[in-house]
N, C-alpha and C. Protein backbone atom coordinates (compact mmCIF):
# COMPACT_ATOMS: atom_id res chain seq x y z
N MET A 1 -7.99 22.95 28.08
CA MET A 1 -9.10 22.06 27.26
C MET A 1 -10.25 22.25 27.95
N SER A 2 -11.43 21.79 27.47
CA SER A 2 -12.50 21.58 28.05
C SER A 2 -12.51 20.33 28.26
N LYS A 3 -13.91 20.01 29.13
CA LYS A 3 -14.07 18.80 29.54
C LYS A 3 -14.44 17.91 28.54
N VAL A 4 -13.59 16.15 28.55
CA VAL A 4 -14.66 15.56 27.53
C VAL A 4 -15.08 14.45 28.14
N ILE A 5 -16.18 14.40 27.62
CA ILE A 5 -16.87 13.39 27.98
C ILE A 5 -17.48 12.26 27.07
N PHE A 6 -17.32 10.84 27.48
CA PHE A 6 -17.34 9.80 26.78
C PHE A 6 -18.44 9.11 27.27
N PRO A 7 -19.60 9.28 26.25
CA PRO A 7 -21.00 8.27 26.56
C PRO A 7 -20.43 6.92 26.34
N PRO A 8 -21.24 6.26 27.13
CA PRO A 8 -21.13 4.69 27.00
C PRO A 8 -21.90 3.84 25.41
N LEU A 9 -21.28 4.20 24.39
CA LEU A 9 -21.90 4.26 23.31
C LEU A 9 -21.31 3.55 22.07
N GLU A 10 -20.26 2.93 22.71
CA GLU A 10 -19.44 2.14 21.78
C GLU A 10 -19.96 0.88 20.61
N GLU A 11 -19.66 0.75 19.73
CA GLU A 11 -20.24 -0.18 18.81
C GLU A 11 -18.87 -0.53 17.93
N GLU A 12 -19.31 -2.13 17.56
CA GLU A 12 -18.30 -2.90 16.90
C GLU A 12 -19.06 -2.86 15.29
N ASP A 13 -17.73 -2.26 14.51
CA ASP A 13 -17.95 -2.15 13.11
C ASP A 13 -17.38 -3.03 12.10
N ASP A 14 -17.80 -4.50 12.01
CA ASP A 14 -16.97 -5.46 11.61
C ASP A 14 -16.43 -5.27 9.96
N SER A 15 -17.37 -4.48 9.03
CA SER A 15 -16.72 -4.18 8.11
C SER A 15 -15.67 -3.27 7.80
N GLU A 16 -15.32 -2.12 8.79
CA GLU A 16 -14.48 -1.77 8.97
C GLU A 16 -13.19 -1.87 9.90
N GLU A 17 -13.26 -2.88 10.53
CA GLU A 17 -12.52 -3.75 11.67
C GLU A 17 -12.29 -2.36 12.84
N VAL A 18 -13.19 -1.74 13.21
CA VAL A 18 -12.73 -0.75 14.30
C VAL A 18 -13.77 -0.72 15.37
N VAL A 19 -13.76 -0.43 16.66
CA VAL A 19 -14.69 0.06 17.31
C VAL A 19 -14.91 1.53 17.21
N HIS A 20 -16.26 1.84 17.28
CA HIS A 20 -16.53 3.36 17.37
C HIS A 20 -16.95 4.20 18.34
N PHE A 21 -16.58 5.21 18.94
CA PHE A 21 -17.16 5.68 20.42
C PHE A 21 -17.49 7.19 19.78
N GLU A 22 -17.69 7.83 20.87
CA GLU A 22 -18.01 9.32 20.95
C GLU A 22 -17.51 9.98 21.97
N ALA A 23 -17.08 11.14 21.85
CA ALA A 23 -16.32 11.80 22.67
C ALA A 23 -17.52 13.42 22.54
N ILE A 24 -17.94 14.15 23.69
CA ILE A 24 -18.55 15.04 23.45
C ILE A 24 -17.38 16.46 24.52
N VAL A 25 -17.08 17.94 23.23
CA VAL A 25 -16.41 18.75 23.81
C VAL A 25 -17.09 20.26 23.21
N ASN A 26 -17.87 20.61 24.56
CA ASN A 26 -18.47 21.72 24.47
C ASN A 26 -19.47 21.74 23.53
N GLY A 27 -20.46 20.44 23.84
CA GLY A 27 -21.41 20.09 23.04
C GLY A 27 -21.14 19.36 21.59
N VAL A 28 -20.01 19.47 21.50
CA VAL A 28 -19.94 19.24 19.74
C VAL A 28 -19.32 17.63 20.24
N THR A 29 -20.12 16.65 19.02
CA THR A 29 -19.35 15.77 19.12
C THR A 29 -18.17 14.99 18.32
N ILE A 30 -17.52 14.34 18.63
CA ILE A 30 -16.25 14.25 18.12
C ILE A 30 -16.45 12.64 17.68
N HIS A 31 -16.30 12.02 16.57
CA HIS A 31 -16.75 10.55 16.44
C HIS A 31 -15.01 9.93 16.20
N CYS A 32 -15.29 8.90 17.20
CA CYS A 32 -13.64 8.36 17.39
C CYS A 32 -13.98 6.66 16.89
N SER A 33 -12.72 6.50 16.68
CA SER A 33 -12.50 5.16 16.31
C SER A 33 -11.03 4.27 16.70
N VAL A 34 -11.27 2.96 17.03
CA VAL A 34 -9.70 2.55 16.87
C VAL A 34 -9.80 1.16 16.49
N SER A 35 -9.02 1.21 15.99
CA SER A 35 -8.57 -0.15 15.24
C SER A 35 -8.83 -2.08 16.28
N TYR A 36 -9.52 -2.69 14.77
CA TYR A 36 -8.95 -4.14 15.71
C TYR A 36 -7.49 -4.66 16.20
N GLY A 37 -6.82 -3.90 15.05
CA GLY A 37 -5.58 -4.31 14.91
C GLY A 37 -4.76 -3.50 16.34
N VAL A 38 -4.91 -2.36 16.40
CA VAL A 38 -4.60 -1.79 17.68
C VAL A 38 -5.32 -2.40 19.56
N LEU A 39 -6.34 -3.08 19.17
CA LEU A 39 -6.88 -3.57 20.18
C LEU A 39 -6.27 -4.53 20.43
N SER A 40 -6.20 -5.50 19.01
CA SER A 40 -5.39 -6.97 19.56
C SER A 40 -3.85 -6.77 19.69
N GLU A 41 -3.15 -5.53 19.65
CA GLU A 41 -1.97 -5.48 19.86
C GLU A 41 -1.18 -4.82 21.62
N PHE A 42 -2.18 -4.13 21.84
CA PHE A 42 -2.07 -3.19 23.26
C PHE A 42 -3.28 -3.91 24.28
N PHE A 43 -4.29 -4.37 23.82
CA PHE A 43 -5.24 -4.98 24.79
C PHE A 43 -5.51 -6.48 24.47
N ASP A 44 -5.10 -7.25 23.88
CA ASP A 44 -5.30 -8.88 23.39
C ASP A 44 -6.46 -8.78 23.05
N ALA A 45 -7.10 -8.14 22.01
CA ALA A 45 -8.14 -8.25 21.47
C ALA A 45 -8.11 -9.66 20.89
N ASP A 46 -9.27 -10.19 20.83
CA ASP A 46 -9.61 -11.59 19.73
C ASP A 46 -10.74 -10.39 18.98
N TYR A 47 -10.39 -10.94 17.56
CA TYR A 47 -10.98 -10.21 16.50
C TYR A 47 -12.92 -10.40 16.67
N CYS A 48 -12.77 -11.57 17.48
CA CYS A 48 -14.48 -12.17 17.51
C CYS A 48 -14.98 -11.41 18.52
N ASP A 49 -14.09 -10.55 19.34
CA ASP A 49 -14.88 -9.56 20.71
C ASP A 49 -13.76 -8.74 21.16
N PRO A 50 -13.92 -7.64 20.04
CA PRO A 50 -12.83 -6.76 20.08
C PRO A 50 -13.27 -5.42 21.35
N LEU A 51 -15.11 -5.95 21.57
CA LEU A 51 -15.27 -4.86 22.68
C LEU A 51 -14.86 -5.10 23.70
N PHE A 52 -14.84 -6.06 24.19
CA PHE A 52 -14.09 -6.42 25.60
C PHE A 52 -12.85 -5.83 25.56
N ALA A 53 -11.83 -5.77 24.78
CA ALA A 53 -10.46 -5.68 24.72
C ALA A 53 -10.84 -4.11 24.82
N PHE A 54 -11.64 -3.51 24.14
CA PHE A 54 -11.87 -1.83 24.13
C PHE A 54 -12.25 -1.24 25.61
N MET A 55 -12.80 -2.03 26.07
CA MET A 55 -13.33 -1.86 27.54
C MET A 55 -12.19 -1.95 28.43
N THR A 56 -11.56 -2.77 28.15
CA THR A 56 -10.39 -3.30 28.85
C THR A 56 -9.44 -2.10 28.83
N GLY A 57 -8.93 -1.51 27.88
CA GLY A 57 -8.12 -0.30 27.76
C GLY A 57 -8.53 0.94 27.23
N ARG A 58 -10.17 0.85 27.42
CA ARG A 58 -10.78 2.15 27.68
C ARG A 58 -10.07 3.68 28.33
N SER A 59 -9.49 3.34 29.51
CA SER A 59 -8.78 4.57 29.87
C SER A 59 -7.98 5.04 29.07
N LYS A 60 -6.90 4.00 28.62
CA LYS A 60 -5.97 4.72 27.88
C LYS A 60 -6.48 5.41 26.63
N ILE A 61 -7.50 4.52 25.88
CA ILE A 61 -7.83 4.97 24.60
C ILE A 61 -8.82 6.23 24.42
N GLU A 62 -9.18 6.74 25.69
CA GLU A 62 -9.64 7.86 25.88
C GLU A 62 -8.63 8.91 26.17
N GLU A 63 -7.57 8.86 26.75
CA GLU A 63 -6.43 9.48 27.09
C GLU A 63 -5.91 9.93 26.07
N ALA A 64 -5.82 9.05 24.91
CA ALA A 64 -5.02 9.40 23.72
C ALA A 64 -6.17 9.86 22.82
N VAL A 65 -7.48 9.85 23.10
CA VAL A 65 -8.23 10.83 22.12
C VAL A 65 -8.08 12.17 23.00
N CYS A 66 -8.02 12.54 24.17
CA CYS A 66 -7.74 13.87 24.82
C CYS A 66 -6.57 14.62 24.58
N LYS A 67 -5.68 13.47 24.32
CA LYS A 67 -4.05 14.14 23.86
C LYS A 67 -4.08 14.51 22.55
N LYS A 68 -4.95 14.21 21.33
CA LYS A 68 -5.20 14.30 20.24
C LYS A 68 -5.99 15.40 19.88
N LEU A 69 -6.86 15.64 21.06
CA LEU A 69 -7.98 17.07 21.03
C LEU A 69 -7.05 18.35 21.47
N LYS A 70 -6.13 17.77 22.13
CA LYS A 70 -5.28 18.94 22.81
C LYS A 70 -4.20 19.36 21.55
N ASN A 71 -3.74 18.55 20.98
CA ASN A 71 -2.97 18.87 19.79
C ASN A 71 -3.42 18.99 18.53
N MET A 72 -4.96 19.31 18.73
CA MET A 72 -5.86 19.47 17.74
C MET A 72 -5.85 18.79 16.46
N ASN A 73 -5.09 17.48 16.65
CA ASN A 73 -5.47 16.37 15.75
C ASN A 73 -6.65 15.75 14.85
N ILE A 74 -7.63 16.98 14.59
CA ILE A 74 -9.07 15.93 14.25
C ILE A 74 -9.07 16.53 13.08
N ASP A 75 -9.80 15.47 12.28
CA ASP A 75 -9.96 15.81 10.88
C ASP A 75 -11.07 17.01 10.64
N SER A 76 -11.43 17.27 9.31
CA SER A 76 -12.26 18.55 8.93
C SER A 76 -13.71 18.01 9.60
N ASP A 77 -14.03 16.72 9.44
CA ASP A 77 -15.48 16.04 9.61
C ASP A 77 -15.72 15.59 11.37
N ASN A 78 -14.41 16.24 12.13
CA ASN A 78 -14.91 15.76 13.72
C ASN A 78 -14.57 14.06 13.57
N THR A 79 -13.58 13.74 13.49
CA THR A 79 -12.97 12.46 13.64
C THR A 79 -11.85 12.13 14.09
N ILE A 80 -11.88 11.27 14.92
CA ILE A 80 -10.47 11.12 15.75
C ILE A 80 -10.08 9.23 15.17
N LEU A 81 -9.48 8.66 14.85
CA LEU A 81 -8.96 7.10 14.54
C LEU A 81 -7.73 7.28 15.54
N ILE A 82 -7.78 6.34 16.66
CA ILE A 82 -7.17 5.99 17.42
C ILE A 82 -5.99 4.94 16.81
N ASN A 83 -4.69 5.33 16.89
CA ASN A 83 -3.96 4.44 15.90
C ASN A 83 -2.62 4.12 17.06
N ARG A 84 -1.91 3.22 16.32
CA ARG A 84 -0.58 2.31 17.26
C ARG A 84 0.22 3.51 17.98
N ASP A 85 0.72 4.49 17.08
CA ASP A 85 1.21 5.46 17.69
C ASP A 85 0.53 6.37 19.05
N ASP A 86 -0.62 6.66 18.57
CA ASP A 86 -1.07 6.93 19.96
C ASP A 86 -0.88 6.41 21.48
N ILE A 87 -1.36 4.94 21.05
CA ILE A 87 -1.05 4.70 22.45
C ILE A 87 0.12 4.19 22.70
N GLN A 88 1.02 4.16 22.18
CA GLN A 88 2.68 4.20 22.30
C GLN A 88 3.11 5.53 23.00
N ALA A 89 2.62 6.46 22.25
CA ALA A 89 2.77 7.83 23.32
C ALA A 89 1.94 7.56 24.83
N ILE A 90 0.78 7.52 24.93
CA ILE A 90 0.11 7.15 26.44
C ILE A 90 1.04 6.02 27.14
N ASN A 91 1.45 5.19 26.53
CA ASN A 91 2.36 3.86 27.50
C ASN A 91 3.71 4.56 27.47
N ALA A 92 4.47 5.68 26.86
CA ALA A 92 5.68 6.46 27.07
C ALA A 92 5.62 7.15 28.35
N ASP A 93 4.24 8.06 28.24
CA ASP A 93 3.92 9.13 29.24
C ASP A 93 4.12 8.21 30.44
N ILE A 94 3.18 6.95 30.60
CA ILE A 94 3.11 6.28 31.83
C ILE A 94 4.34 6.06 32.24
N GLU A 95 5.75 5.75 31.59
CA GLU A 95 6.76 4.90 31.93
C GLU A 95 7.52 5.73 32.45
N SER A 96 7.58 6.89 31.86
CA SER A 96 8.44 8.23 32.32
C SER A 96 8.07 8.65 33.50
């Protein structure tokens, strides 16, 4: 797979309770999101400040995006939502 670039453009979306960020692959922007729930469960996020938890867990979150890209789990509109199972899979890879 091509190199994936993650620009530092993360932002909170209180209405959807997610943090949005981007991945760029071969010049194509993939819109990524991770829910406050995932950030809370795995990275001790406070719903008042989810960006801190996002930054803390960014490497694992980006790894989960890369894994989804490799498995071609991208929606037709070039979006990826990182969910609980994605982070659990990364944690399992680290433990094995």
